Amino acid sequence: MQPFSVFSFGNVLLVSIQEEIDDDAVSSLFETIAGKVQTSKAHGVILDLHDVEVVDSYLARNLQQLAASLSLMRAMVVVAGLAVPVVMTLLDFGIDLKGMEFALDVEQAMVRLKQRAV
């Protein structure tokens, strides 16, 4: 069973990532999302990370690469639900998630995508 789920809401993909995601699953996540954006012509991807307790450098780098790739396909990435300890750890280690927007929750992420579409 994959540690992530992908749901389609019109032209937005919601990707829910569970707590335990290993390096192989991160690669599978990247391929799955890129393929679904290409086939569905989605203009936005919400990465719901509220269940993730640790964002390591490998996951962070792959999220950056995903955001860069999707921007070439004209899809915006919004990361939702990062917990304060996760954000603090990212800052402590100097990990910068460039090319992504951030929201407190999925609802705010949807609002951010709608604002971009206008």
Protein backbone atom coordinates (compact mmCIF):
# COMPACT_ATOMS: atom_id res chain seq x y z
CA MET A 1 0.00 0.00 0.00
CA GLN A 2 1.29 3.43 -0.96
CA PRO A 3 1.81 5.99 1.81
CA PHE A 4 0.01 8.66 -0.20
CA SER A 5 -3.36 9.19 -1.82
CA VAL A 6 -4.26 11.35 -4.82
CA PHE A 7 -7.73 12.81 -5.27
CA SER A 8 -8.95 14.89 -8.19
CA PHE A 9 -11.24 17.89 -7.65
CA GLY A 10 -11.83 19.28 -11.11
CA ASN A 11 -8.57 20.86 -12.18
CA VAL A 12 -6.93 20.50 -8.73
CA LEU A 13 -5.20 17.43 -7.35
CA LEU A 14 -5.17 16.85 -3.61
CA VAL A 15 -2.26 14.68 -2.50
CA SER A 16 -2.38 13.40 1.07
CA ILE A 17 0.93 12.10 2.35
CA GLN A 18 0.92 9.85 5.38
CA GLU A 19 3.45 9.98 8.18
CA GLU A 20 5.75 7.16 7.07
CA ILE A 21 7.03 7.78 3.54
CA ASP A 22 10.30 6.22 2.47
CA ASP A 23 12.61 7.17 -0.39
CA ASP A 24 11.09 4.69 -2.86
CA ALA A 25 7.60 6.01 -2.12
CA VAL A 26 8.82 9.59 -2.65
CA SER A 27 9.98 8.63 -6.14
CA SER A 28 6.66 6.91 -6.84
CA LEU A 29 4.84 10.00 -5.56
CA PHE A 30 6.77 12.23 -7.96
CA GLU A 31 5.97 10.03 -10.96
CA THR A 32 2.31 9.60 -10.01
CA ILE A 33 1.64 13.31 -9.53
CA ALA A 34 3.48 14.37 -12.67
CA GLY A 35 1.58 11.79 -14.70
CA LYS A 36 -1.80 12.79 -13.27
CA VAL A 37 -1.13 16.50 -13.88
CA GLN A 38 -0.20 15.74 -17.47
CA THR A 39 -3.26 13.59 -18.18
CA SER A 40 -5.79 15.65 -16.23
CA LYS A 41 -4.48 19.10 -17.20
CA ALA A 42 -4.68 20.10 -13.52
CA HIS A 43 -3.61 23.66 -12.79
CA GLY A 44 -2.98 23.10 -9.10
CA VAL A 45 -1.64 20.48 -6.72
CA ILE A 46 -2.21 20.62 -2.98
CA LEU A 47 0.26 18.58 -0.96
CA ASP A 48 -1.38 17.87 2.40
CA LEU A 49 1.44 17.18 4.85
CA HIS A 50 -0.49 17.45 8.12
CA ASP A 51 0.33 13.82 9.00
CA VAL A 52 4.05 14.19 8.24
CA GLU A 53 6.21 14.61 11.33
CA VAL A 54 9.59 14.84 9.58
CA VAL A 55 10.55 16.40 6.26
CA ASP A 56 14.10 15.25 5.60
CA SER A 57 16.44 16.71 3.00
CA TYR A 58 15.58 13.99 0.45
CA LEU A 59 11.84 14.64 0.69
CA ALA A 60 12.41 18.41 0.63
CA ARG A 61 14.62 18.20 -2.47
CA ASN A 62 12.08 16.01 -4.25
CA LEU A 63 9.25 18.38 -3.35
CA GLN A 64 11.28 21.23 -4.85
CA GLN A 65 11.93 19.22 -8.02
CA LEU A 66 8.26 18.33 -8.23
CA ALA A 67 7.24 21.98 -7.90
CA ALA A 68 9.73 22.99 -10.60
CA SER A 69 8.54 20.25 -12.95
CA LEU A 70 4.88 21.06 -12.41
CA SER A 71 5.46 24.76 -12.97
CA LEU A 72 6.71 23.84 -16.45
CA MET A 73 3.32 22.16 -16.92
CA ARG A 74 1.63 25.35 -15.64
CA ALA A 75 0.54 23.77 -12.37
CA MET A 76 1.04 25.50 -9.04
CA VAL A 77 2.01 23.54 -5.91
CA VAL A 78 0.60 24.55 -2.52
CA VAL A 79 1.88 22.79 0.58
CA ALA A 80 -0.73 22.58 3.32
CA GLY A 81 -0.68 21.49 6.92
CA LEU A 82 2.98 21.71 7.89
CA ALA A 83 3.22 21.46 11.67
CA VAL A 84 5.20 24.09 13.56
CA PRO A 85 7.91 21.61 14.68
CA VAL A 86 8.41 20.53 11.07
CA VAL A 87 8.76 24.16 9.94
CA MET A 88 11.21 24.86 12.76
CA THR A 89 13.31 21.84 11.77
CA LEU A 90 13.37 22.95 8.13
CA LEU A 91 14.52 26.40 9.21
CA ASP A 92 17.15 25.00 11.60
CA PHE A 93 18.68 22.92 8.82
CA GLY A 94 18.46 25.72 6.25
CA ILE A 95 16.10 23.79 3.99
CA ASP A 96 14.21 26.20 1.75
CA LEU A 97 11.23 24.90 -0.18
CA LYS A 98 11.44 27.27 -3.14
CA GLY A 99 8.83 27.38 -5.87
CA MET A 100 5.94 26.42 -3.62
CA GLU A 101 3.17 28.27 -1.91
CA PHE A 102 2.11 27.44 1.62
CA ALA A 103 -1.21 27.33 3.44
CA LEU A 104 -2.28 26.37 6.94
CA ASP A 105 -4.80 23.80 5.71
CA VAL A 106 -6.38 22.36 2.58
CA GLU A 107 -9.20 24.91 2.59
CA GLN A 108 -6.77 27.83 2.52
CA ALA A 109 -4.76 26.06 -0.18
CA MET A 110 -7.89 25.85 -2.36
CA VAL A 111 -8.49 29.58 -1.82
CA ARG A 112 -4.88 30.34 -2.82
CA LEU A 113 -5.27 28.31 -6.04
CA LYS A 114 -8.56 30.05 -6.88
CA GLN A 115 -6.92 33.46 -6.35
CA ARG A 116 -4.16 32.51 -8.76
CA ALA A 117 -6.68 31.38 -11.38
CA VAL A 118 -8.41 34.79 -11.36
